[in-house]
Amino acid sequence: MKLNVSDINKSYNGKAVLQDCSVSFEKGAVYALMGPNGSGKSTFLRICALLETPDKGSVEYLSGDSIVRNDIGLRRRITLVLPGVGVFNTTVHKNVVYGLKIRGLSKEEIRRRADSALEFAGLLHKKDHNALTLSTGEGQRLGIARAMVIEPEILFLDEPTVSTDQENTAIIEGIILDMKKKGMSTVIITTHDPAQAERLTDRVLIMRDGKIIEQKSP
């Protein structure tokens, strides 16, 4: 699935946050959005993830040459992981399967997906631990596992390593690189770290004052 963003604008209380942003995200690639705080990265990500609507412009998901209708079916094919994502006061495993139980999947399929996502995030050995006992970095990895369990076609990661220690940062970067290698999902991250963008991505978008001012290879 491909994502086309055309001339989107967004303002809050009369203040422009995004101005005429346009970009195409190709299937299976990894992208980084970079820019200072307040440049519009997180708002841009939320609009792409269909959690907010632009004041002007369009966000279109394409399957082949056909536009995918914006409905619950599309929203189940994309997901956004925020920094410092909250966890439920239950086991790590139950945190991951929560979003699957409403999808009508068999118990065997739910178990397979949950174990696969937790193994991918390096948390399978903690599946029976209470999620509240996880470190900040492990909690971020759990958030990624909860996203991966739905097998999204496009995954948005907002500052995935902003509050993680060196070990968990390396693990999260490894997850993204593994997804890239296997072509599992299109991944779009925000980051302040140019070296991280260079290590992980196929394409870097530079934002400033609500505008995409540059698109380049890392």
N, C-alpha and C. Protein backbone atom coordinates (compact mmCIF):
# COMPACT_ATOMS: atom_id res chain seq x y z
N MET A 1 0.85 -1.19 0.00
CA MET A 1 0.00 0.00 0.00
C MET A 1 0.89 1.24 0.00
N LYS A 2 0.57 2.18 -0.84
CA LYS A 2 1.31 3.43 -0.99
C LYS A 2 0.54 4.57 -0.35
N LEU A 3 1.26 5.58 0.14
CA LEU A 3 0.63 6.75 0.76
C LEU A 3 1.06 8.00 0.03
N ASN A 4 0.08 8.77 -0.44
CA ASN A 4 0.32 10.06 -1.07
C ASN A 4 -0.25 11.18 -0.20
N VAL A 5 0.58 12.13 0.14
CA VAL A 5 0.15 13.31 0.90
C VAL A 5 0.30 14.52 -0.01
N SER A 6 -0.79 15.27 -0.19
CA SER A 6 -0.78 16.38 -1.16
C SER A 6 -1.22 17.68 -0.52
N ASP A 7 -0.30 18.64 -0.44
CA ASP A 7 -0.61 20.03 -0.07
C ASP A 7 -1.39 20.16 1.23
N ILE A 8 -1.00 19.40 2.27
CA ILE A 8 -1.78 19.48 3.50
C ILE A 8 -1.37 20.70 4.33
N ASN A 9 -2.37 21.32 4.93
CA ASN A 9 -2.20 22.46 5.82
C ASN A 9 -2.96 22.18 7.11
N LYS A 10 -2.41 22.66 8.23
CA LYS A 10 -3.08 22.50 9.51
C LYS A 10 -2.74 23.66 10.41
N SER A 11 -3.77 24.23 11.05
CA SER A 11 -3.58 25.33 11.99
C SER A 11 -4.30 25.02 13.29
N TYR A 12 -3.76 25.53 14.39
CA TYR A 12 -4.41 25.46 15.69
C TYR A 12 -4.53 26.88 16.24
N ASN A 13 -5.75 27.29 16.54
CA ASN A 13 -5.99 28.64 17.09
C ASN A 13 -5.35 29.73 16.23
N GLY A 14 -5.46 29.53 14.92
CA GLY A 14 -4.97 30.53 13.99
C GLY A 14 -3.48 30.46 13.70
N LYS A 15 -2.77 29.55 14.35
CA LYS A 15 -1.33 29.41 14.12
C LYS A 15 -1.07 28.24 13.18
N ALA A 16 -0.38 28.50 12.06
CA ALA A 16 -0.09 27.47 11.08
C ALA A 16 0.92 26.49 11.64
N VAL A 17 0.57 25.20 11.61
CA VAL A 17 1.46 24.14 12.08
C VAL A 17 2.05 23.37 10.90
N LEU A 18 1.26 23.20 9.86
CA LEU A 18 1.72 22.57 8.62
C LEU A 18 1.32 23.45 7.45
N GLN A 19 2.22 23.56 6.47
CA GLN A 19 1.97 24.41 5.33
C GLN A 19 2.38 23.71 4.04
N ASP A 20 1.38 23.36 3.23
CA ASP A 20 1.59 22.85 1.87
C ASP A 20 2.58 21.69 1.83
N CYS A 21 2.36 20.70 2.69
CA CYS A 21 3.25 19.53 2.75
C CYS A 21 2.80 18.47 1.75
N SER A 22 3.72 18.04 0.91
CA SER A 22 3.44 17.01 -0.09
C SER A 22 4.58 16.01 -0.13
N VAL A 23 4.23 14.72 -0.16
CA VAL A 23 5.24 13.67 -0.27
C VAL A 23 4.53 12.35 -0.60
N SER A 24 5.26 11.46 -1.25
CA SER A 24 4.76 10.11 -1.52
C SER A 24 5.63 9.11 -0.77
N PHE A 25 4.98 8.17 -0.08
CA PHE A 25 5.68 7.12 0.64
C PHE A 25 5.46 5.80 -0.10
N GLU A 26 6.55 5.22 -0.57
CA GLU A 26 6.47 4.00 -1.36
C GLU A 26 6.39 2.77 -0.45
N LYS A 27 5.75 1.75 -0.95
CA LYS A 27 5.55 0.51 -0.20
C LYS A 27 6.88 -0.14 0.18
N GLY A 28 7.00 -0.52 1.46
CA GLY A 28 8.12 -1.31 1.92
C GLY A 28 9.37 -0.54 2.29
N ALA A 29 9.37 0.79 2.13
CA ALA A 29 10.55 1.59 2.44
C ALA A 29 10.47 2.12 3.87
N VAL A 30 11.60 2.61 4.37
CA VAL A 30 11.66 3.23 5.69
C VAL A 30 12.02 4.70 5.52
N TYR A 31 11.24 5.57 6.15
CA TYR A 31 11.41 7.01 6.02
C TYR A 31 11.63 7.63 7.40
N ALA A 32 12.39 8.72 7.42
CA ALA A 32 12.55 9.51 8.65
C ALA A 32 12.08 10.94 8.40
N LEU A 33 11.33 11.46 9.37
CA LEU A 33 10.99 12.88 9.41
C LEU A 33 11.90 13.53 10.44
N MET A 34 12.65 14.53 10.03
CA MET A 34 13.57 15.22 10.93
C MET A 34 13.26 16.71 10.98
N GLY A 35 13.59 17.33 12.09
CA GLY A 35 13.38 18.76 12.25
C GLY A 35 13.35 19.11 13.72
N PRO A 36 13.50 20.38 14.04
CA PRO A 36 13.48 20.81 15.44
C PRO A 36 12.10 20.65 16.06
N ASN A 37 12.03 20.72 17.39
CA ASN A 37 10.75 20.71 18.07
C ASN A 37 9.88 21.85 17.54
N GLY A 38 8.60 21.54 17.31
CA GLY A 38 7.70 22.56 16.79
C GLY A 38 7.70 22.68 15.29
N SER A 39 8.43 21.81 14.60
CA SER A 39 8.48 21.90 13.14
C SER A 39 7.28 21.25 12.47
N GLY A 40 6.47 20.51 13.23
CA GLY A 40 5.26 19.91 12.68
C GLY A 40 5.33 18.41 12.45
N LYS A 41 6.40 17.77 12.89
CA LYS A 41 6.59 16.35 12.61
C LYS A 41 5.47 15.48 13.18
N SER A 42 5.16 15.67 14.46
CA SER A 42 4.17 14.81 15.11
C SER A 42 2.78 15.05 14.55
N THR A 43 2.45 16.30 14.27
CA THR A 43 1.15 16.60 13.67
C THR A 43 1.05 15.97 12.28
N PHE A 44 2.11 16.08 11.51
CA PHE A 44 2.14 15.46 10.19
C PHE A 44 1.90 13.96 10.30
N LEU A 45 2.56 13.31 11.27
CA LEU A 45 2.40 11.87 11.45
C LEU A 45 0.97 11.52 11.82
N ARG A 46 0.36 12.29 12.72
CA ARG A 46 -1.01 12.00 13.15
C ARG A 46 -2.00 12.17 12.01
N ILE A 47 -1.77 13.14 11.14
CA ILE A 47 -2.65 13.31 9.99
C ILE A 47 -2.48 12.15 9.01
N CYS A 48 -1.24 11.74 8.79
CA CYS A 48 -1.00 10.59 7.91
C CYS A 48 -1.65 9.32 8.46
N ALA A 49 -1.66 9.20 9.79
CA ALA A 49 -2.25 8.02 10.44
C ALA A 49 -3.76 8.14 10.61
N LEU A 50 -4.35 9.18 10.04
CA LEU A 50 -5.79 9.40 10.03
C LEU A 50 -6.38 9.66 11.42
N LEU A 51 -5.54 10.14 12.32
CA LEU A 51 -6.01 10.50 13.66
C LEU A 51 -6.43 11.96 13.75
N GLU A 52 -6.02 12.75 12.78
CA GLU A 52 -6.46 14.13 12.64
C GLU A 52 -6.73 14.39 11.16
N THR A 53 -7.52 15.42 10.89
CA THR A 53 -7.80 15.79 9.51
C THR A 53 -7.12 17.11 9.18
N PRO A 54 -6.59 17.25 7.99
CA PRO A 54 -5.98 18.53 7.61
C PRO A 54 -7.05 19.58 7.33
N ASP A 55 -6.68 20.84 7.47
CA ASP A 55 -7.59 21.91 7.10
C ASP A 55 -7.73 22.01 5.58
N LYS A 56 -6.68 21.59 4.91
CA LYS A 56 -6.63 21.67 3.45
C LYS A 56 -5.69 20.57 2.96
N GLY A 57 -5.94 20.07 1.75
CA GLY A 57 -5.09 19.04 1.20
C GLY A 57 -5.68 17.66 1.38
N SER A 58 -4.92 16.63 0.97
CA SER A 58 -5.45 15.28 0.99
C SER A 58 -4.39 14.27 1.44
N VAL A 59 -4.90 13.20 2.05
CA VAL A 59 -4.10 12.03 2.42
C VAL A 59 -4.76 10.83 1.77
N GLU A 60 -4.06 10.19 0.84
CA GLU A 60 -4.64 9.09 0.08
C GLU A 60 -3.77 7.85 0.18
N TYR A 61 -4.42 6.75 0.53
CA TYR A 61 -3.77 5.45 0.52
C TYR A 61 -4.15 4.74 -0.78
N LEU A 62 -3.15 4.17 -1.43
CA LEU A 62 -3.36 3.54 -2.73
C LEU A 62 -2.98 2.07 -2.69
N SER A 63 -3.85 1.24 -3.23
CA SER A 63 -3.55 -0.17 -3.45
C SER A 63 -3.52 -0.36 -4.96
N GLY A 64 -2.31 -0.51 -5.51
CA GLY A 64 -2.17 -0.45 -6.96
C GLY A 64 -2.46 0.97 -7.41
N ASP A 65 -3.40 1.11 -8.32
CA ASP A 65 -3.80 2.44 -8.79
C ASP A 65 -5.10 2.92 -8.16
N SER A 66 -5.65 2.13 -7.25
CA SER A 66 -6.96 2.44 -6.67
C SER A 66 -6.81 3.07 -5.29
N ILE A 67 -7.59 4.11 -5.03
CA ILE A 67 -7.61 4.75 -3.73
C ILE A 67 -8.36 3.86 -2.74
N VAL A 68 -7.76 3.62 -1.57
CA VAL A 68 -8.38 2.82 -0.53
C VAL A 68 -9.31 3.71 0.28
N ARG A 69 -10.54 3.30 0.40
CA ARG A 69 -11.52 4.11 1.12
C ARG A 69 -11.15 4.25 2.58
N ASN A 70 -11.32 5.46 3.12
CA ASN A 70 -11.01 5.75 4.51
C ASN A 70 -12.14 5.20 5.39
N ASP A 71 -11.97 3.98 5.86
CA ASP A 71 -12.96 3.36 6.74
C ASP A 71 -12.23 2.49 7.74
N ILE A 72 -12.97 1.72 8.52
CA ILE A 72 -12.35 0.92 9.57
C ILE A 72 -11.40 -0.12 8.98
N GLY A 73 -11.69 -0.59 7.75
CA GLY A 73 -10.81 -1.55 7.12
C GLY A 73 -9.43 -0.97 6.87
N LEU A 74 -9.37 0.28 6.40
CA LEU A 74 -8.09 0.94 6.18
C LEU A 74 -7.38 1.18 7.51
N ARG A 75 -8.12 1.63 8.51
CA ARG A 75 -7.49 1.95 9.80
C ARG A 75 -6.90 0.72 10.48
N ARG A 76 -7.38 -0.45 10.10
CA ARG A 76 -6.80 -1.68 10.64
C ARG A 76 -5.52 -2.09 9.91
N ARG A 77 -5.19 -1.37 8.85
CA ARG A 77 -3.98 -1.67 8.08
C ARG A 77 -2.84 -0.71 8.37
N ILE A 78 -3.10 0.28 9.23
CA ILE A 78 -2.07 1.26 9.59
C ILE A 78 -2.10 1.44 11.11
N THR A 79 -0.98 1.85 11.69
CA THR A 79 -0.99 2.10 13.14
C THR A 79 0.14 3.06 13.51
N LEU A 80 -0.08 3.78 14.60
CA LEU A 80 0.86 4.78 15.11
C LEU A 80 1.27 4.41 16.52
N VAL A 81 2.58 4.42 16.79
CA VAL A 81 3.11 4.20 18.14
C VAL A 81 3.69 5.52 18.63
N LEU A 82 3.17 6.00 19.76
CA LEU A 82 3.63 7.26 20.34
C LEU A 82 4.74 7.00 21.36
N PRO A 83 5.57 7.99 21.64
CA PRO A 83 6.60 7.80 22.67
C PRO A 83 5.97 7.69 24.04
N GLY A 84 6.59 6.88 24.91
CA GLY A 84 6.05 6.72 26.26
C GLY A 84 4.66 6.13 26.27
N VAL A 85 4.40 5.21 25.34
CA VAL A 85 3.06 4.63 25.21
C VAL A 85 2.66 3.96 26.53
N GLY A 86 1.41 4.15 26.93
CA GLY A 86 0.93 3.57 28.17
C GLY A 86 0.69 2.07 28.05
N VAL A 87 0.74 1.37 29.17
CA VAL A 87 0.47 -0.06 29.19
C VAL A 87 -0.65 -0.34 30.17
N PHE A 88 -1.29 -1.49 29.98
CA PHE A 88 -2.38 -1.89 30.87
C PHE A 88 -1.81 -2.68 32.05
N ASN A 89 -2.50 -2.59 33.17
CA ASN A 89 -2.07 -3.27 34.40
C ASN A 89 -2.45 -4.75 34.33
N THR A 90 -1.75 -5.44 33.43
CA THR A 90 -1.94 -6.88 33.27
C THR A 90 -0.67 -7.43 32.63
N THR A 91 -0.68 -8.66 32.21
CA THR A 91 0.55 -9.26 31.70
C THR A 91 0.95 -8.64 30.36
N VAL A 92 2.22 -8.81 30.05
CA VAL A 92 2.73 -8.35 28.75
C VAL A 92 1.95 -9.02 27.62
N HIS A 93 1.70 -10.32 27.76
CA HIS A 93 0.96 -11.05 26.72
C HIS A 93 -0.44 -10.48 26.52
N LYS A 94 -1.15 -10.21 27.61
CA LYS A 94 -2.51 -9.69 27.48
C LYS A 94 -2.51 -8.28 26.90
N ASN A 95 -1.47 -7.49 27.16
CA ASN A 95 -1.34 -6.18 26.54
C ASN A 95 -1.30 -6.30 25.02
N VAL A 96 -0.63 -7.33 24.54
CA VAL A 96 -0.46 -7.49 23.10
C VAL A 96 -1.73 -8.03 22.43
N VAL A 97 -2.42 -8.96 23.08
CA VAL A 97 -3.57 -9.59 22.43
C VAL A 97 -4.83 -8.74 22.53
N TYR A 98 -4.80 -7.67 23.34
CA TYR A 98 -6.01 -6.86 23.56
C TYR A 98 -6.66 -6.42 22.25
N GLY A 99 -5.83 -5.94 21.31
CA GLY A 99 -6.39 -5.42 20.06
C GLY A 99 -6.82 -6.49 19.08
N LEU A 100 -6.51 -7.77 19.37
CA LEU A 100 -6.86 -8.84 18.45
C LEU A 100 -8.21 -9.48 18.76
N LYS A 101 -8.62 -9.38 20.01
CA LYS A 101 -9.82 -10.11 20.42
C LYS A 101 -11.08 -9.58 19.75
N ILE A 102 -11.06 -8.33 19.28
CA ILE A 102 -12.24 -7.77 18.64
C ILE A 102 -12.24 -8.04 17.13
N ARG A 103 -11.26 -8.77 16.64
CA ARG A 103 -11.13 -9.01 15.20
C ARG A 103 -11.63 -10.37 14.76
N GLY A 104 -12.17 -11.16 15.68
CA GLY A 104 -12.75 -12.43 15.30
C GLY A 104 -11.74 -13.49 14.93
N LEU A 105 -10.51 -13.37 15.41
CA LEU A 105 -9.48 -14.35 15.11
C LEU A 105 -9.60 -15.55 16.05
N SER A 106 -9.13 -16.71 15.60
CA SER A 106 -9.14 -17.89 16.44
C SER A 106 -8.12 -17.74 17.56
N LYS A 107 -8.29 -18.53 18.63
CA LYS A 107 -7.34 -18.49 19.74
C LYS A 107 -5.94 -18.86 19.27
N GLU A 108 -5.85 -19.81 18.35
CA GLU A 108 -4.55 -20.23 17.84
C GLU A 108 -3.87 -19.11 17.06
N GLU A 109 -4.65 -18.38 16.25
CA GLU A 109 -4.07 -17.28 15.49
C GLU A 109 -3.66 -16.13 16.40
N ILE A 110 -4.47 -15.85 17.41
CA ILE A 110 -4.12 -14.80 18.38
C ILE A 110 -2.82 -15.17 19.09
N ARG A 111 -2.71 -16.42 19.51
CA ARG A 111 -1.49 -16.86 20.21
C ARG A 111 -0.28 -16.78 19.29
N ARG A 112 -0.45 -17.19 18.04
CA ARG A 112 0.66 -17.15 17.08
C ARG A 112 1.14 -15.73 16.86
N ARG A 113 0.19 -14.83 16.63
CA ARG A 113 0.56 -13.43 16.37
C ARG A 113 1.21 -12.80 17.59
N ALA A 114 0.64 -13.05 18.76
CA ALA A 114 1.18 -12.44 19.97
C ALA A 114 2.60 -12.92 20.24
N ASP A 115 2.83 -14.23 20.15
CA ASP A 115 4.17 -14.76 20.40
C ASP A 115 5.16 -14.25 19.36
N SER A 116 4.71 -14.15 18.11
CA SER A 116 5.59 -13.66 17.04
C SER A 116 5.97 -12.21 17.28
N ALA A 117 5.00 -11.37 17.65
CA ALA A 117 5.27 -9.95 17.89
C ALA A 117 6.18 -9.76 19.10
N LEU A 118 5.93 -10.53 20.16
CA LEU A 118 6.77 -10.41 21.35
C LEU A 118 8.19 -10.90 21.10
N GLU A 119 8.32 -11.97 20.33
CA GLU A 119 9.66 -12.45 19.98
C GLU A 119 10.38 -11.41 19.13
N PHE A 120 9.67 -10.80 18.21
CA PHE A 120 10.25 -9.78 17.34
C PHE A 120 10.75 -8.60 18.16
N ALA A 121 10.02 -8.26 19.23
CA ALA A 121 10.39 -7.14 20.09
C ALA A 121 11.34 -7.54 21.22
N GLY A 122 11.73 -8.82 21.26
CA GLY A 122 12.64 -9.29 22.29
C GLY A 122 12.02 -9.36 23.67
N LEU A 123 10.71 -9.62 23.72
CA LEU A 123 10.00 -9.63 25.00
C LEU A 123 9.27 -10.94 25.28
N LEU A 124 9.51 -11.95 24.46
CA LEU A 124 8.76 -13.19 24.63
C LEU A 124 9.04 -13.81 26.01
N HIS A 125 10.26 -13.65 26.49
CA HIS A 125 10.61 -14.23 27.80
C HIS A 125 9.93 -13.51 28.96
N LYS A 126 9.30 -12.37 28.67
CA LYS A 126 8.59 -11.62 29.72
C LYS A 126 7.08 -11.62 29.49
N LYS A 127 6.58 -12.55 28.71
CA LYS A 127 5.17 -12.53 28.33
C LYS A 127 4.23 -12.65 29.53
N ASP A 128 4.68 -13.32 30.60
CA ASP A 128 3.83 -13.51 31.78
C ASP A 128 4.10 -12.49 32.88
N HIS A 129 5.01 -11.54 32.63
CA HIS A 129 5.29 -10.48 33.60
C HIS A 129 4.21 -9.40 33.52
N ASN A 130 3.96 -8.71 34.62
CA ASN A 130 3.07 -7.56 34.58
C ASN A 130 3.74 -6.45 33.80
N ALA A 131 3.02 -5.85 32.87
CA ALA A 131 3.61 -4.84 32.00
C ALA A 131 4.10 -3.62 32.77
N LEU A 132 3.51 -3.37 33.94
CA LEU A 132 3.92 -2.20 34.72
C LEU A 132 5.32 -2.36 35.31
N THR A 133 5.86 -3.59 35.29
CA THR A 133 7.21 -3.82 35.81
C THR A 133 8.29 -3.60 34.75
N LEU A 134 7.90 -3.33 33.51
CA LEU A 134 8.87 -3.14 32.45
C LEU A 134 9.58 -1.80 32.59
N SER A 135 10.80 -1.73 32.11
CA SER A 135 11.51 -0.46 32.05
C SER A 135 10.90 0.43 30.97
N THR A 136 11.32 1.68 30.93
CA THR A 136 10.82 2.61 29.91
C THR A 136 11.09 2.07 28.51
N GLY A 137 12.31 1.59 28.28
CA GLY A 137 12.65 1.07 26.97
C GLY A 137 11.88 -0.18 26.62
N GLU A 138 11.70 -1.07 27.60
CA GLU A 138 10.91 -2.28 27.36
C GLU A 138 9.46 -1.92 27.08
N GLY A 139 8.95 -0.89 27.77
CA GLY A 139 7.58 -0.45 27.52
C GLY A 139 7.41 0.08 26.10
N GLN A 140 8.44 0.77 25.60
CA GLN A 140 8.39 1.24 24.22
C GLN A 140 8.40 0.07 23.25
N ARG A 141 9.19 -0.94 23.54
CA ARG A 141 9.21 -2.14 22.70
C ARG A 141 7.87 -2.87 22.75
N LEU A 142 7.22 -2.85 23.91
CA LEU A 142 5.89 -3.44 24.02
C LEU A 142 4.90 -2.69 23.14
N GLY A 143 5.03 -1.35 23.12
CA GLY A 143 4.17 -0.58 22.23
C GLY A 143 4.35 -0.97 20.77
N ILE A 144 5.59 -1.22 20.37
CA ILE A 144 5.86 -1.65 19.00
C ILE A 144 5.28 -3.04 18.77
N ALA A 145 5.41 -3.94 19.75
CA ALA A 145 4.84 -5.28 19.62
C ALA A 145 3.33 -5.21 19.47
N ARG A 146 2.67 -4.32 20.23
CA ARG A 146 1.21 -4.17 20.12
C ARG A 146 0.82 -3.69 18.73
N ALA A 147 1.69 -2.88 18.12
CA ALA A 147 1.42 -2.43 16.76
C ALA A 147 1.66 -3.55 15.76
N MET A 148 2.75 -4.29 15.93
CA MET A 148 3.12 -5.33 14.98
C MET A 148 2.15 -6.50 14.98
N VAL A 149 1.47 -6.72 16.10
CA VAL A 149 0.60 -7.88 16.19
C VAL A 149 -0.57 -7.78 15.21
N ILE A 150 -0.93 -6.56 14.80
CA ILE A 150 -2.01 -6.43 13.83
C ILE A 150 -1.51 -6.54 12.39
N GLU A 151 -0.18 -6.73 12.25
CA GLU A 151 0.47 -6.89 10.95
C GLU A 151 0.13 -5.72 10.01
N PRO A 152 0.51 -4.50 10.43
CA PRO A 152 0.14 -3.31 9.65
C PRO A 152 0.93 -3.23 8.35
N GLU A 153 0.32 -2.61 7.37
CA GLU A 153 1.03 -2.36 6.12
C GLU A 153 1.88 -1.10 6.22
N ILE A 154 1.43 -0.15 7.04
CA ILE A 154 2.21 1.07 7.28
C ILE A 154 2.27 1.30 8.79
N LEU A 155 3.49 1.46 9.30
CA LEU A 155 3.72 1.67 10.73
C LEU A 155 4.36 3.02 10.94
N PHE A 156 3.73 3.85 11.77
CA PHE A 156 4.25 5.16 12.13
C PHE A 156 4.84 5.09 13.54
N LEU A 157 6.09 5.53 13.69
CA LEU A 157 6.76 5.53 14.98
C LEU A 157 7.20 6.95 15.31
N ASP A 158 6.55 7.55 16.31
CA ASP A 158 6.87 8.93 16.69
C ASP A 158 7.95 8.89 17.78
N GLU A 159 9.16 9.32 17.43
CA GLU A 159 10.30 9.34 18.36
C GLU A 159 10.43 8.01 19.12
N PRO A 160 10.66 6.91 18.42
CA PRO A 160 10.63 5.59 19.07
C PRO A 160 11.73 5.37 20.10
N THR A 161 12.81 6.16 20.06
CA THR A 161 13.90 5.95 21.02
C THR A 161 14.19 7.20 21.86
N VAL A 162 13.23 8.11 21.95
CA VAL A 162 13.49 9.40 22.59
C VAL A 162 13.82 9.27 24.07
N SER A 163 13.25 8.27 24.75
CA SER A 163 13.47 8.14 26.20
C SER A 163 14.10 6.80 26.57
N THR A 164 14.69 6.12 25.60
CA THR A 164 15.23 4.79 25.87
C THR A 164 16.73 4.83 26.11
N ASP A 165 17.22 3.86 26.89
CA ASP A 165 18.65 3.77 27.13
C ASP A 165 19.35 3.17 25.92
N GLN A 166 20.68 3.09 25.99
CA GLN A 166 21.46 2.65 24.84
C GLN A 166 21.09 1.24 24.40
N GLU A 167 20.88 0.34 25.37
CA GLU A 167 20.55 -1.04 25.03
C GLU A 167 19.22 -1.13 24.31
N ASN A 168 18.19 -0.48 24.85
CA ASN A 168 16.88 -0.55 24.23
C ASN A 168 16.83 0.21 22.90
N THR A 169 17.60 1.29 22.80
CA THR A 169 17.69 1.99 21.52
C THR A 169 18.24 1.06 20.44
N ALA A 170 19.29 0.31 20.78
CA ALA A 170 19.88 -0.63 19.82
C ALA A 170 18.88 -1.71 19.43
N ILE A 171 18.10 -2.19 20.40
CA ILE A 171 17.11 -3.24 20.10
C ILE A 171 16.02 -2.69 19.19
N ILE A 172 15.53 -1.49 19.49
CA ILE A 172 14.47 -0.89 18.66
C ILE A 172 14.99 -0.62 17.25
N GLU A 173 16.20 -0.12 17.14
CA GLU A 173 16.77 0.09 15.81
C GLU A 173 16.90 -1.24 15.07
N GLY A 174 17.26 -2.30 15.80
CA GLY A 174 17.34 -3.61 15.18
C GLY A 174 15.99 -4.10 14.68
N ILE A 175 14.93 -3.80 15.44
CA ILE A 175 13.57 -4.16 15.01
C ILE A 175 13.25 -3.47 13.68
N ILE A 176 13.54 -2.18 13.60
CA ILE A 176 13.23 -1.42 12.39
C ILE A 176 14.05 -1.94 11.20
N LEU A 177 15.32 -2.23 11.43
CA LEU A 177 16.17 -2.75 10.35
C LEU A 177 15.70 -4.13 9.90
N ASP A 178 15.23 -4.95 10.85
CA ASP A 178 14.71 -6.27 10.49
C ASP A 178 13.45 -6.15 9.66
N MET A 179 12.57 -5.21 10.02
CA MET A 179 11.37 -4.96 9.24
C MET A 179 11.74 -4.51 7.83
N LYS A 180 12.74 -3.65 7.75
CA LYS A 180 13.20 -3.16 6.44
C LYS A 180 13.74 -4.30 5.59
N LYS A 181 14.55 -5.16 6.19
CA LYS A 181 15.15 -6.29 5.47
C LYS A 181 14.09 -7.25 4.95
N LYS A 182 13.07 -7.49 5.78
CA LYS A 182 12.03 -8.46 5.43
C LYS A 182 10.89 -7.84 4.63
N GLY A 183 10.90 -6.50 4.48
CA GLY A 183 9.83 -5.84 3.74
C GLY A 183 8.48 -6.03 4.40
N MET A 184 8.46 -6.06 5.73
CA MET A 184 7.22 -6.37 6.45
C MET A 184 6.20 -5.24 6.36
N SER A 185 6.66 -4.00 6.50
CA SER A 185 5.76 -2.84 6.50
C SER A 185 6.53 -1.63 5.97
N THR A 186 5.80 -0.67 5.47
CA THR A 186 6.37 0.66 5.29
C THR A 186 6.49 1.28 6.67
N VAL A 187 7.65 1.85 7.00
CA VAL A 187 7.87 2.42 8.32
C VAL A 187 8.22 3.89 8.17
N ILE A 188 7.53 4.75 8.93
CA ILE A 188 7.78 6.19 8.91
C ILE A 188 8.04 6.62 10.35
N ILE A 189 9.26 7.11 10.63
CA ILE A 189 9.63 7.48 11.98
C ILE A 189 9.91 8.98 12.05
N THR A 190 9.78 9.54 13.24
CA THR A 190 10.31 10.88 13.50
C THR A 190 11.53 10.71 14.40
N THR A 191 12.55 11.53 14.19
CA THR A 191 13.76 11.45 14.99
C THR A 191 14.49 12.79 14.94
N HIS A 192 15.26 13.05 16.01
CA HIS A 192 16.14 14.22 16.04
C HIS A 192 17.58 13.83 15.70
N ASP A 193 17.82 12.55 15.51
CA ASP A 193 19.18 12.03 15.39
C ASP A 193 19.55 11.75 13.94
N PRO A 194 20.38 12.59 13.32
CA PRO A 194 20.77 12.37 11.92
C PRO A 194 21.46 11.03 11.70
N ALA A 195 22.28 10.60 12.68
CA ALA A 195 22.97 9.32 12.54
C ALA A 195 21.98 8.16 12.54
N GLN A 196 20.94 8.26 13.37
CA GLN A 196 19.91 7.23 13.40
C GLN A 196 19.17 7.17 12.06
N ALA A 197 18.82 8.33 11.53
CA ALA A 197 18.15 8.37 10.24
C ALA A 197 19.01 7.73 9.16
N GLU A 198 20.31 7.99 9.22
CA GLU A 198 21.21 7.42 8.21
C GLU A 198 21.30 5.91 8.35
N ARG A 199 21.32 5.42 9.59
CA ARG A 199 21.43 3.98 9.82
C ARG A 199 20.19 3.22 9.37
N LEU A 200 19.02 3.82 9.55
CA LEU A 200 17.78 3.06 9.46
C LEU A 200 17.00 3.24 8.17
N THR A 201 17.12 4.38 7.51
CA THR A 201 16.09 4.74 6.53
C THR A 201 16.60 4.76 5.09
N ASP A 202 15.61 4.73 4.19
CA ASP A 202 15.87 4.86 2.76
C ASP A 202 15.76 6.30 2.30
N ARG A 203 15.00 7.10 3.06
CA ARG A 203 14.71 8.47 2.63
C ARG A 203 14.50 9.34 3.86
N VAL A 204 15.02 10.57 3.82
CA VAL A 204 14.89 11.50 4.94
C VAL A 204 14.15 12.74 4.47
N LEU A 205 13.15 13.15 5.25
CA LEU A 205 12.40 14.38 4.98
C LEU A 205 12.75 15.39 6.07
N ILE A 206 13.19 16.56 5.69
CA ILE A 206 13.55 17.61 6.63
C ILE A 206 12.39 18.60 6.73
N MET A 207 11.94 18.85 7.98
CA MET A 207 10.84 19.78 8.21
C MET A 207 11.34 20.99 9.01
N ARG A 208 10.79 22.15 8.67
CA ARG A 208 11.07 23.37 9.41
C ARG A 208 9.88 24.31 9.27
N ASP A 209 9.41 24.83 10.40
CA ASP A 209 8.30 25.78 10.41
C ASP A 209 7.08 25.25 9.66
N GLY A 210 6.81 23.96 9.85
CA GLY A 210 5.61 23.37 9.26
C GLY A 210 5.71 23.02 7.79
N LYS A 211 6.91 23.12 7.22
CA LYS A 211 7.09 22.83 5.80
C LYS A 211 8.12 21.71 5.61
N ILE A 212 7.91 20.90 4.59
CA ILE A 212 8.94 19.94 4.19
C ILE A 212 9.88 20.69 3.26
N ILE A 213 11.08 20.97 3.75
CA ILE A 213 11.99 21.83 2.99
C ILE A 213 13.00 21.03 2.17
N GLU A 214 13.11 19.72 2.48
CA GLU A 214 14.09 18.92 1.74
C GLU A 214 13.71 17.45 1.84
N GLN A 215 13.92 16.72 0.75
CA GLN A 215 13.79 15.27 0.73
C GLN A 215 15.07 14.71 0.12
N LYS A 216 15.69 13.76 0.84
CA LYS A 216 16.99 13.29 0.38
C LYS A 216 17.23 11.86 0.82
N SER A 217 18.21 11.22 0.17
CA SER A 217 18.68 9.93 0.63
C SER A 217 19.63 10.16 1.80
N PRO A 218 19.65 9.25 2.79
CA PRO A 218 20.51 9.46 3.96
C PRO A 218 21.99 9.35 3.61
